Amino acid sequence: MKITREDVVRVAELAYLDLSEDELEKYRRQLDEILTYIGKLNELDTSGVAPMAQVLADDQTADATLREDLVVPSAVADDVLRQAPDPEPPYFRVPKVLER
């Protein structure tokens, strides 16, 4: 796959990065190598490989390895809003930090 300088410039703009010409070329080359390698991986026949959701060793089970998800109520929102300089429940406003 061929990544162009313009592709890198666009991604840098989206990430609000100012890159030098040397950095643009360096990252273009690195992204091109990564995507070329992914292209090679896509050529592999994985039709006989079962999909997996967890990576566990053969002697591990999900029950013994993973903890149970618990919902824990939290009632700090009202306290936080009371301390905010410009609250508008259930939100508080903050100054704009990015200019474009």
PDB file of N, CA and C in Angstrom:
ATOM      1  N   MET A   1       0.857  -1.179   0.000  1.00  0.00           N
ATOM      2  CA  MET A   1       0.000   0.000   0.000  1.00  0.00           C
ATOM      3  C   MET A   1       0.895   1.232   0.000  1.00  0.00           C
ATOM      4  N   LYS A   2       0.478   2.232  -0.691  1.00  0.00           N
ATOM      5  CA  LYS A   2       1.280   3.449  -0.790  1.00  0.00           C
ATOM      6  C   LYS A   2       0.576   4.582  -0.055  1.00  0.00           C
ATOM      7  N   ILE A   3       1.202   5.059   1.020  1.00  0.00           N
ATOM      8  CA  ILE A   3       0.698   6.196   1.776  1.00  0.00           C
ATOM      9  C   ILE A   3       1.361   7.449   1.215  1.00  0.00           C
ATOM     10  N   THR A   4       0.569   8.447   0.937  1.00  0.00           N
ATOM     11  CA  THR A   4       1.118   9.678   0.373  1.00  0.00           C
ATOM     12  C   THR A   4       1.404  10.696   1.472  1.00  0.00           C
ATOM     13  N   ARG A   5       2.182  11.683   1.123  1.00  0.00           N
ATOM     14  CA  ARG A   5       2.464  12.780   2.040  1.00  0.00           C
ATOM     15  C   ARG A   5       1.162  13.465   2.438  1.00  0.00           C
ATOM     16  N   GLU A   6       0.243  13.597   1.495  1.00  0.00           N
ATOM     17  CA  GLU A   6      -1.038  14.252   1.768  1.00  0.00           C
ATOM     18  C   GLU A   6      -1.863  13.453   2.787  1.00  0.00           C
ATOM     19  N   ASP A   7      -1.766  12.116   2.734  1.00  0.00           N
ATOM     20  CA  ASP A   7      -2.457  11.281   3.726  1.00  0.00           C
ATOM     21  C   ASP A   7      -1.943  11.592   5.135  1.00  0.00           C
ATOM     22  N   VAL A   8      -0.633  11.696   5.265  1.00  0.00           N
ATOM     23  CA  VAL A   8      -0.030  11.975   6.566  1.00  0.00           C
ATOM     24  C   VAL A   8      -0.387  13.387   7.028  1.00  0.00           C
ATOM     25  N   VAL A   9      -0.379  14.341   6.118  1.00  0.00           N
ATOM     26  CA  VAL A   9      -0.754  15.716   6.453  1.00  0.00           C
ATOM     27  C   VAL A   9      -2.185  15.749   6.972  1.00  0.00           C
ATOM     28  N   ARG A  10      -3.083  15.019   6.325  1.00  0.00           N
ATOM     29  CA  ARG A  10      -4.494  15.004   6.749  1.00  0.00           C
ATOM     30  C   ARG A  10      -4.654  14.401   8.132  1.00  0.00           C
ATOM     31  N   VAL A  11      -3.974  13.277   8.397  1.00  0.00           N
ATOM     32  CA  VAL A  11      -4.047  12.650   9.721  1.00  0.00           C
ATOM     33  C   VAL A  11      -3.456  13.583  10.773  1.00  0.00           C
ATOM     34  N   ALA A  12      -2.353  14.247  10.449  1.00  0.00           N
ATOM     35  CA  ALA A  12      -1.736  15.192  11.382  1.00  0.00           C
ATOM     36  C   ALA A  12      -2.693  16.353  11.683  1.00  0.00           C
ATOM     37  N   GLU A  13      -3.392  16.839  10.674  1.00  0.00           N
ATOM     38  CA  GLU A  13      -4.373  17.908  10.894  1.00  0.00           C
ATOM     39  C   GLU A  13      -5.493  17.442  11.818  1.00  0.00           C
ATOM     40  N   LEU A  14      -5.984  16.224  11.604  1.00  0.00           N
ATOM     41  CA  LEU A  14      -7.053  15.689  12.446  1.00  0.00           C
ATOM     42  C   LEU A  14      -6.600  15.530  13.894  1.00  0.00           C
ATOM     43  N   ALA A  15      -5.313  15.261  14.090  1.00  0.00           N
ATOM     44  CA  ALA A  15      -4.768  15.068  15.436  1.00  0.00           C
ATOM     45  C   ALA A  15      -4.186  16.379  15.994  1.00  0.00           C
ATOM     46  N   TYR A  16      -4.349  17.471  15.267  1.00  0.00           N
ATOM     47  CA  TYR A  16      -3.818  18.776  15.675  1.00  0.00           C
ATOM     48  C   TYR A  16      -2.309  18.718  15.921  1.00  0.00           C
ATOM     49  N   LEU A  17      -1.587  18.078  14.992  1.00  0.00           N
ATOM     50  CA  LEU A  17      -0.139  17.972  15.085  1.00  0.00           C
ATOM     51  C   LEU A  17       0.513  18.849  14.029  1.00  0.00           C
ATOM     52  N   ASP A  18       1.535  19.571  14.430  1.00  0.00           N
ATOM     53  CA  ASP A  18       2.361  20.315  13.487  1.00  0.00           C
ATOM     54  C   ASP A  18       3.629  19.504  13.269  1.00  0.00           C
ATOM     55  N   LEU A  19       3.775  18.942  12.083  1.00  0.00           N
ATOM     56  CA  LEU A  19       4.913  18.089  11.787  1.00  0.00           C
ATOM     57  C   LEU A  19       5.848  18.787  10.822  1.00  0.00           C
ATOM     58  N   SER A  20       7.136  18.600  11.046  1.00  0.00           N
ATOM     59  CA  SER A  20       8.133  19.133  10.114  1.00  0.00           C
ATOM     60  C   SER A  20       8.142  18.263   8.858  1.00  0.00           C
ATOM     61  N   GLU A  21       8.835  18.732   7.843  1.00  0.00           N
ATOM     62  CA  GLU A  21       8.936  17.943   6.605  1.00  0.00           C
ATOM     63  C   GLU A  21       9.617  16.604   6.872  1.00  0.00           C
ATOM     64  N   ASP A  22      10.645  16.609   7.721  1.00  0.00           N
ATOM     65  CA  ASP A  22      11.333  15.355   8.057  1.00  0.00           C
ATOM     66  C   ASP A  22      10.388  14.393   8.767  1.00  0.00           C
ATOM     67  N   GLU A  23       9.586  14.912   9.690  1.00  0.00           N
ATOM     68  CA  GLU A  23       8.633  14.069  10.416  1.00  0.00           C
ATOM     69  C   GLU A  23       7.558  13.530   9.477  1.00  0.00           C
ATOM     70  N   LEU A  24       7.084  14.363   8.556  1.00  0.00           N
ATOM     71  CA  LEU A  24       6.076  13.907   7.596  1.00  0.00           C
ATOM     72  C   LEU A  24       6.590  12.719   6.794  1.00  0.00           C
ATOM     73  N   GLU A  25       7.828  12.808   6.333  1.00  0.00           N
ATOM     74  CA  GLU A  25       8.403  11.711   5.552  1.00  0.00           C
ATOM     75  C   GLU A  25       8.647  10.480   6.421  1.00  0.00           C
ATOM     76  N   LYS A  26       9.140  10.703   7.620  1.00  0.00           N
ATOM     77  CA  LYS A  26       9.393   9.583   8.539  1.00  0.00           C
ATOM     78  C   LYS A  26       8.097   8.827   8.831  1.00  0.00           C
ATOM     79  N   TYR A  27       7.028   9.550   9.172  1.00  0.00           N
ATOM     80  CA  TYR A  27       5.760   8.899   9.508  1.00  0.00           C
ATOM     81  C   TYR A  27       5.082   8.304   8.277  1.00  0.00           C
ATOM     82  N   ARG A  28       5.265   8.931   7.122  1.00  0.00           N
ATOM     83  CA  ARG A  28       4.715   8.360   5.892  1.00  0.00           C
ATOM     84  C   ARG A  28       5.349   7.001   5.632  1.00  0.00           C
ATOM     85  N   ARG A  29       6.662   6.937   5.775  1.00  0.00           N
ATOM     86  CA  ARG A  29       7.398   5.690   5.554  1.00  0.00           C
ATOM     87  C   ARG A  29       6.972   4.627   6.577  1.00  0.00           C
ATOM     88  N   GLN A  30       6.856   5.011   7.848  1.00  0.00           N
ATOM     89  CA  GLN A  30       6.467   4.056   8.890  1.00  0.00           C
ATOM     90  C   GLN A  30       5.042   3.536   8.669  1.00  0.00           C
ATOM     91  N   LEU A  31       4.107   4.430   8.362  1.00  0.00           N
ATOM     92  CA  LEU A  31       2.729   4.001   8.106  1.00  0.00           C
ATOM     93  C   LEU A  31       2.653   3.093   6.892  1.00  0.00           C
ATOM     94  N   ASP A  32       3.426   3.412   5.870  1.00  0.00           N
ATOM     95  CA  ASP A  32       3.441   2.577   4.673  1.00  0.00           C
ATOM     96  C   ASP A  32       3.954   1.174   4.998  1.00  0.00           C
ATOM     97  N   GLU A  33       5.004   1.086   5.820  1.00  0.00           N
ATOM     98  CA  GLU A  33       5.536  -0.233   6.219  1.00  0.00           C
ATOM     99  C   GLU A  33       4.511  -1.017   7.036  1.00  0.00           C
ATOM    100  N   ILE A  34       3.829  -0.351   7.943  1.00  0.00           N
ATOM    101  CA  ILE A  34       2.827  -1.022   8.781  1.00  0.00           C
ATOM    102  C   ILE A  34       1.689  -1.564   7.919  1.00  0.00           C
ATOM    103  N   LEU A  35       1.173  -0.740   7.028  1.00  0.00           N
ATOM    104  CA  LEU A  35       0.054  -1.176   6.190  1.00  0.00           C
ATOM    105  C   LEU A  35       0.472  -2.242   5.187  1.00  0.00           C
ATOM    106  N   THR A  36       1.710  -2.192   4.716  1.00  0.00           N
ATOM    107  CA  THR A  36       2.213  -3.248   3.843  1.00  0.00           C
ATOM    108  C   THR A  36       2.258  -4.568   4.592  1.00  0.00           C
ATOM    109  N   TYR A  37       2.713  -4.538   5.841  1.00  0.00           N
ATOM    110  CA  TYR A  37       2.765  -5.758   6.657  1.00  0.00           C
ATOM    111  C   TYR A  37       1.358  -6.291   6.923  1.00  0.00           C
ATOM    112  N   ILE A  38       0.420  -5.412   7.212  1.00  0.00           N
ATOM    113  CA  ILE A  38      -0.969  -5.840   7.425  1.00  0.00           C
ATOM    114  C   ILE A  38      -1.509  -6.482   6.153  1.00  0.00           C
ATOM    115  N   GLY A  39      -1.147  -5.928   5.003  1.00  0.00           N
ATOM    116  CA  GLY A  39      -1.549  -6.532   3.734  1.00  0.00           C
ATOM    117  C   GLY A  39      -1.027  -7.947   3.592  1.00  0.00           C
ATOM    118  N   LYS A  40       0.218  -8.184   4.041  1.00  0.00           N
ATOM    119  CA  LYS A  40       0.773  -9.537   4.000  1.00  0.00           C
ATOM    120  C   LYS A  40       0.005 -10.461   4.935  1.00  0.00           C
ATOM    121  N   LEU A  41      -0.353  -9.966   6.113  1.00  0.00           N
ATOM    122  CA  LEU A  41      -1.126 -10.775   7.055  1.00  0.00           C
ATOM    123  C   LEU A  41      -2.497 -11.138   6.484  1.00  0.00           C
ATOM    124  N   ASN A  42      -3.081 -10.230   5.728  1.00  0.00           N
ATOM    125  CA  ASN A  42      -4.392 -10.490   5.130  1.00  0.00           C
ATOM    126  C   ASN A  42      -4.340 -11.592   4.077  1.00  0.00           C
ATOM    127  N   GLU A  43      -3.143 -11.923   3.582  1.00  0.00           N
ATOM    128  CA  GLU A  43      -2.994 -12.983   2.600  1.00  0.00           C
ATOM    129  C   GLU A  43      -3.034 -14.375   3.231  1.00  0.00           C
ATOM    130  N   LEU A  44      -2.879 -14.448   4.555  1.00  0.00           N
ATOM    131  CA  LEU A  44      -2.868 -15.743   5.239  1.00  0.00           C
ATOM    132  C   LEU A  44      -4.253 -16.383   5.228  1.00  0.00           C
ATOM    133  N   ASP A  45      -4.273 -17.721   5.098  1.00  0.00           N
ATOM    134  CA  ASP A  45      -5.526 -18.460   5.150  1.00  0.00           C
ATOM    135  C   ASP A  45      -5.869 -18.730   6.612  1.00  0.00           C
ATOM    136  N   THR A  46      -6.880 -18.055   7.108  1.00  0.00           N
ATOM    137  CA  THR A  46      -7.308 -18.236   8.498  1.00  0.00           C
ATOM    138  C   THR A  46      -8.680 -18.906   8.576  1.00  0.00           C
ATOM    139  N   SER A  47      -9.090 -19.542   7.502  1.00  0.00           N
ATOM    140  CA  SER A  47     -10.428 -20.147   7.486  1.00  0.00           C
ATOM    141  C   SER A  47     -10.568 -21.274   8.503  1.00  0.00           C
ATOM    142  N   GLY A  48      -9.460 -21.952   8.863  1.00  0.00           N
ATOM    143  CA  GLY A  48      -9.536 -23.042   9.832  1.00  0.00           C
ATOM    144  C   GLY A  48      -9.280 -22.604  11.261  1.00  0.00           C
ATOM    145  N   VAL A  49      -9.120 -21.307  11.486  1.00  0.00           N
ATOM    146  CA  VAL A  49      -8.821 -20.800  12.826  1.00  0.00           C
ATOM    147  C   VAL A  49     -10.114 -20.292  13.452  1.00  0.00           C
ATOM    148  N   ALA A  50     -10.429 -20.825  14.632  1.00  0.00           N
ATOM    149  CA  ALA A  50     -11.652 -20.414  15.331  1.00  0.00           C
ATOM    150  C   ALA A  50     -11.469 -19.006  15.898  1.00  0.00           C
ATOM    151  N   PRO A  51     -12.518 -18.186  15.819  1.00  0.00           N
ATOM    152  CA  PRO A  51     -12.431 -16.843  16.417  1.00  0.00           C
ATOM    153  C   PRO A  51     -12.258 -16.951  17.929  1.00  0.00           C
ATOM    154  N   MET A  52     -11.564 -15.969  18.512  1.00  0.00           N
ATOM    155  CA  MET A  52     -11.392 -15.988  19.958  1.00  0.00           C
ATOM    156  C   MET A  52     -11.768 -14.637  20.550  1.00  0.00           C
ATOM    157  N   ALA A  53     -12.314 -14.709  21.752  1.00  0.00           N
ATOM    158  CA  ALA A  53     -12.677 -13.487  22.450  1.00  0.00           C
ATOM    159  C   ALA A  53     -11.708 -13.198  23.586  1.00  0.00           C
ATOM    160  N   GLN A  54     -11.090 -14.233  24.148  1.00  0.00           N
ATOM    161  CA  GLN A  54     -10.139 -14.083  25.247  1.00  0.00           C
ATOM    162  C   GLN A  54      -8.888 -14.898  24.941  1.00  0.00           C
ATOM    163  N   VAL A  55      -7.783 -14.412  25.410  1.00  0.00           N
ATOM    164  CA  VAL A  55      -6.541 -15.146  25.250  1.00  0.00           C
ATOM    165  C   VAL A  55      -6.198 -15.751  26.608  1.00  0.00           C
ATOM    166  N   LEU A  56      -6.374 -17.055  26.723  1.00  0.00           N
ATOM    167  CA  LEU A  56      -6.090 -17.771  27.959  1.00  0.00           C
ATOM    168  C   LEU A  56      -5.184 -18.950  27.659  1.00  0.00           C
ATOM    169  N   ALA A  57      -4.351 -19.293  28.619  1.00  0.00           N
ATOM    170  CA  ALA A  57      -3.528 -20.483  28.477  1.00  0.00           C
ATOM    171  C   ALA A  57      -4.431 -21.711  28.550  1.00  0.00           C
ATOM    172  N   ASP A  58      -3.922 -22.855  28.071  1.00  0.00           N
ATOM    173  CA  ASP A  58      -4.713 -24.082  28.060  1.00  0.00           C
ATOM    174  C   ASP A  58      -5.190 -24.487  29.452  1.00  0.00           C
ATOM    175  N   ASP A  59      -4.404 -24.173  30.477  1.00  0.00           N
ATOM    176  CA  ASP A  59      -4.779 -24.585  31.828  1.00  0.00           C
ATOM    177  C   ASP A  59      -5.593 -23.537  32.577  1.00  0.00           C
ATOM    178  N   GLN A  60      -5.971 -22.451  31.922  1.00  0.00           N
ATOM    179  CA  GLN A  60      -6.760 -21.407  32.556  1.00  0.00           C
ATOM    180  C   GLN A  60      -8.209 -21.476  32.093  1.00  0.00           C
ATOM    181  N   THR A  61      -9.115 -21.072  32.974  1.00  0.00           N
ATOM    182  CA  THR A  61     -10.511 -20.909  32.591  1.00  0.00           C
ATOM    183  C   THR A  61     -10.918 -19.484  32.906  1.00  0.00           C
ATOM    184  N   ALA A  62     -11.901 -18.993  32.204  1.00  0.00           N
ATOM    185  CA  ALA A  62     -12.356 -17.623  32.415  1.00  0.00           C
ATOM    186  C   ALA A  62     -12.879 -17.437  33.834  1.00  0.00           C
ATOM    187  N   ASP A  63     -13.522 -18.475  34.401  1.00  0.00           N
ATOM    188  CA  ASP A  63     -14.073 -18.361  35.748  1.00  0.00           C
ATOM    189  C   ASP A  63     -12.983 -18.117  36.775  1.00  0.00           C
ATOM    190  N   ALA A  64     -11.839 -18.764  36.617  1.00  0.00           N
ATOM    191  CA  ALA A  64     -10.764 -18.642  37.597  1.00  0.00           C
ATOM    192  C   ALA A  64      -9.888 -17.421  37.343  1.00  0.00           C
ATOM    193  N   THR A  65      -9.900 -16.894  36.137  1.00  0.00           N
ATOM    194  CA  THR A  65      -8.974 -15.837  35.767  1.00  0.00           C
ATOM    195  C   THR A  65      -9.592 -14.449  35.844  1.00  0.00           C
ATOM    196  N   LEU A  66     -10.833 -14.325  35.419  1.00  0.00           N
ATOM    197  CA  LEU A  66     -11.471 -13.019  35.311  1.00  0.00           C
ATOM    198  C   LEU A  66     -12.396 -12.770  36.496  1.00  0.00           C
ATOM    199  N   ARG A  67     -12.434 -11.543  36.965  1.00  0.00           N
ATOM    200  CA  ARG A  67     -13.344 -11.225  38.063  1.00  0.00           C
ATOM    201  C   ARG A  67     -14.723 -10.887  37.498  1.00  0.00           C
ATOM    202  N   GLU A  68     -15.707 -10.994  38.349  1.00  0.00           N
ATOM    203  CA  GLU A  68     -17.076 -10.673  37.950  1.00  0.00           C
ATOM    204  C   GLU A  68     -17.231  -9.157  37.859  1.00  0.00           C
ATOM    205  N   ASP A  69     -17.962  -8.694  36.862  1.00  0.00           N
ATOM    206  CA  ASP A  69     -18.259  -7.267  36.742  1.00  0.00           C
ATOM    207  C   ASP A  69     -19.342  -6.903  37.745  1.00  0.00           C
ATOM    208  N   LEU A  70     -19.089  -5.883  38.534  1.00  0.00           N
ATOM    209  CA  LEU A  70     -20.052  -5.430  39.525  1.00  0.00           C
ATOM    210  C   LEU A  70     -20.408  -3.981  39.258  1.00  0.00           C
ATOM    211  N   VAL A  71     -21.689  -3.659  39.352  1.00  0.00           N
ATOM    212  CA  VAL A  71     -22.145  -2.284  39.220  1.00  0.00           C
ATOM    213  C   VAL A  71     -22.094  -1.663  40.605  1.00  0.00           C
ATOM    214  N   VAL A  72     -21.344  -0.578  40.738  1.00  0.00           N
ATOM    215  CA  VAL A  72     -21.224   0.107  42.026  1.00  0.00           C
ATOM    216  C   VAL A  72     -21.761   1.516  41.845  1.00  0.00           C
ATOM    217  N   PRO A  73     -22.851   1.851  42.543  1.00  0.00           N
ATOM    218  CA  PRO A  73     -23.414   3.190  42.375  1.00  0.00           C
ATOM    219  C   PRO A  73     -22.448   4.263  42.897  1.00  0.00           C
ATOM    220  N   SER A  74     -22.474   5.399  42.249  1.00  0.00           N
ATOM    221  CA  SER A  74     -21.628   6.516  42.638  1.00  0.00           C
ATOM    222  C   SER A  74     -22.483   7.772  42.630  1.00  0.00           C
ATOM    223  N   ALA A  75     -22.445   8.511  43.728  1.00  0.00           N
ATOM    224  CA  ALA A  75     -23.299   9.703  43.846  1.00  0.00           C
ATOM    225  C   ALA A  75     -22.442  10.951  44.033  1.00  0.00           C
ATOM    226  N   VAL A  76     -21.468  11.133  43.162  1.00  0.00           N
ATOM    227  CA  VAL A  76     -20.594  12.296  43.297  1.00  0.00           C
ATOM    228  C   VAL A  76     -20.957  13.420  42.329  1.00  0.00           C
ATOM    229  N   ALA A  77     -21.843  13.164  41.395  1.00  0.00           N
ATOM    230  CA  ALA A  77     -22.156  14.166  40.367  1.00  0.00           C
ATOM    231  C   ALA A  77     -22.674  15.460  40.981  1.00  0.00           C
ATOM    232  N   ASP A  78     -23.579  15.377  41.957  1.00  0.00           N
ATOM    233  CA  ASP A  78     -24.122  16.598  42.574  1.00  0.00           C
ATOM    234  C   ASP A  78     -23.036  17.399  43.281  1.00  0.00           C
ATOM    235  N   ASP A  79     -22.126  16.712  43.989  1.00  0.00           N
ATOM    236  CA  ASP A  79     -21.024  17.399  44.664  1.00  0.00           C
ATOM    237  C   ASP A  79     -20.114  18.095  43.659  1.00  0.00           C
ATOM    238  N   VAL A  80     -19.808  17.415  42.567  1.00  0.00           N
ATOM    239  CA  VAL A  80     -18.937  17.997  41.548  1.00  0.00           C
ATOM    240  C   VAL A  80     -19.603  19.214  40.920  1.00  0.00           C
ATOM    241  N   LEU A  81     -20.876  19.115  40.586  1.00  0.00           N
ATOM    242  CA  LEU A  81     -21.578  20.244  39.968  1.00  0.00           C
ATOM    243  C   LEU A  81     -21.658  21.438  40.913  1.00  0.00           C
ATOM    244  N   ARG A  82     -21.822  21.187  42.207  1.00  0.00           N
ATOM    245  CA  ARG A  82     -21.882  22.296  43.169  1.00  0.00           C
ATOM    246  C   ARG A  82     -20.561  23.061  43.218  1.00  0.00           C
ATOM    247  N   GLN A  83     -19.458  22.401  42.934  1.00  0.00           N
ATOM    248  CA  GLN A  83     -18.148  23.044  42.996  1.00  0.00           C
ATOM    249  C   GLN A  83     -17.711  23.637  41.659  1.00  0.00           C
ATOM    250  N   ALA A  84     -18.454  23.357  40.609  1.00  0.00           N
ATOM    251  CA  ALA A  84     -18.073  23.832  39.275  1.00  0.00           C
ATOM    252  C   ALA A  84     -18.384  25.318  39.148  1.00  0.00           C
ATOM    253  N   PRO A  85     -17.539  26.083  38.434  1.00  0.00           N
ATOM    254  CA  PRO A  85     -17.764  27.522  38.295  1.00  0.00           C
ATOM    255  C   PRO A  85     -18.954  27.870  37.406  1.00  0.00           C
ATOM    256  N   ASP A  86     -19.323  27.019  36.473  1.00  0.00           N
ATOM    257  CA  ASP A  86     -20.404  27.347  35.543  1.00  0.00           C
ATOM    258  C   ASP A  86     -21.273  26.110  35.287  1.00  0.00           C
ATOM    259  N   PRO A  87     -21.999  25.625  36.316  1.00  0.00           N
ATOM    260  CA  PRO A  87     -22.764  24.386  36.140  1.00  0.00           C
ATOM    261  C   PRO A  87     -24.070  24.606  35.390  1.00  0.00           C
ATOM    262  N   GLU A  88     -24.459  23.603  34.660  1.00  0.00           N
ATOM    263  CA  GLU A  88     -25.774  23.550  34.021  1.00  0.00           C
ATOM    264  C   GLU A  88     -26.185  22.084  34.070  1.00  0.00           C
ATOM    265  N   PRO A  89     -26.727  21.657  35.248  1.00  0.00           N
ATOM    266  CA  PRO A  89     -26.994  20.224  35.468  1.00  0.00           C
ATOM    267  C   PRO A  89     -27.682  19.575  34.284  1.00  0.00           C
ATOM    268  N   PRO A  90     -27.282  18.361  33.912  1.00  0.00           N
ATOM    269  CA  PRO A  90     -26.297  17.502  34.558  1.00  0.00           C
ATOM    270  C   PRO A  90     -24.878  17.708  34.032  1.00  0.00           C
ATOM    271  N   TYR A  91     -24.579  18.857  33.463  1.00  0.00           N
ATOM    272  CA  TYR A  91     -23.266  19.131  32.876  1.00  0.00           C
ATOM    273  C   TYR A  91     -22.651  20.363  33.513  1.00  0.00           C
ATOM    274  N   PHE A  92     -21.392  20.609  33.231  1.00  0.00           N
ATOM    275  CA  PHE A  92     -20.800  21.900  33.540  1.00  0.00           C
ATOM    276  C   PHE A  92     -19.978  22.332  32.345  1.00  0.00           C
ATOM    277  N   ARG A  93     -19.973  23.627  32.105  1.00  0.00           N
ATOM    278  CA  ARG A  93     -19.291  24.171  30.936  1.00  0.00           C
ATOM    279  C   ARG A  93     -17.842  24.484  31.274  1.00  0.00           C
ATOM    280  N   VAL A  94     -16.994  24.315  30.279  1.00  0.00           N
ATOM    281  CA  VAL A  94     -15.569  24.632  30.427  1.00  0.00           C
ATOM    282  C   VAL A  94     -15.170  25.516  29.267  1.00  0.00           C
ATOM    283  N   PRO A  95     -14.106  26.297  29.436  1.00  0.00           N
ATOM    284  CA  PRO A  95     -13.656  27.157  28.336  1.00  0.00           C
ATOM    285  C   PRO A  95     -13.185  26.324  27.145  1.00  0.00           C
ATOM    286  N   LYS A  96     -13.376  26.881  25.975  1.00  0.00           N
ATOM    287  CA  LYS A  96     -12.909  26.245  24.752  1.00  0.00           C
ATOM    288  C   LYS A  96     -11.388  26.240  24.752  1.00  0.00           C
ATOM    289  N   VAL A  97     -10.787  25.096  24.437  1.00  0.00           N
ATOM    290  CA  VAL A  97      -9.330  25.005  24.466  1.00  0.00           C
ATOM    291  C   VAL A  97      -8.715  24.781  23.091  1.00  0.00           C
ATOM    292  N   LEU A  98      -9.511  24.399  22.109  1.00  0.00           N
ATOM    293  CA  LEU A  98      -8.995  24.157  20.772  1.00  0.00           C
ATOM    294  C   LEU A  98      -9.593  25.170  19.807  1.00  0.00           C
ATOM    295  N   GLU A  99      -8.750  25.782  19.050  1.00  0.00           N
ATOM    296  CA  GLU A  99      -9.200  26.738  18.038  1.00  0.00           C
ATOM    297  C   GLU A  99      -8.895  26.149  16.656  1.00  0.00           C
ATOM    298  N   ARG A 100      -9.852  26.151  15.771  1.00  0.00           N
ATOM    299  CA  ARG A 100      -9.637  25.705  14.391  1.00  0.00           C
ATOM    300  C   ARG A 100     -10.413  26.587  13.485  1.00  0.00           C
TER     301      ARG A 100
END
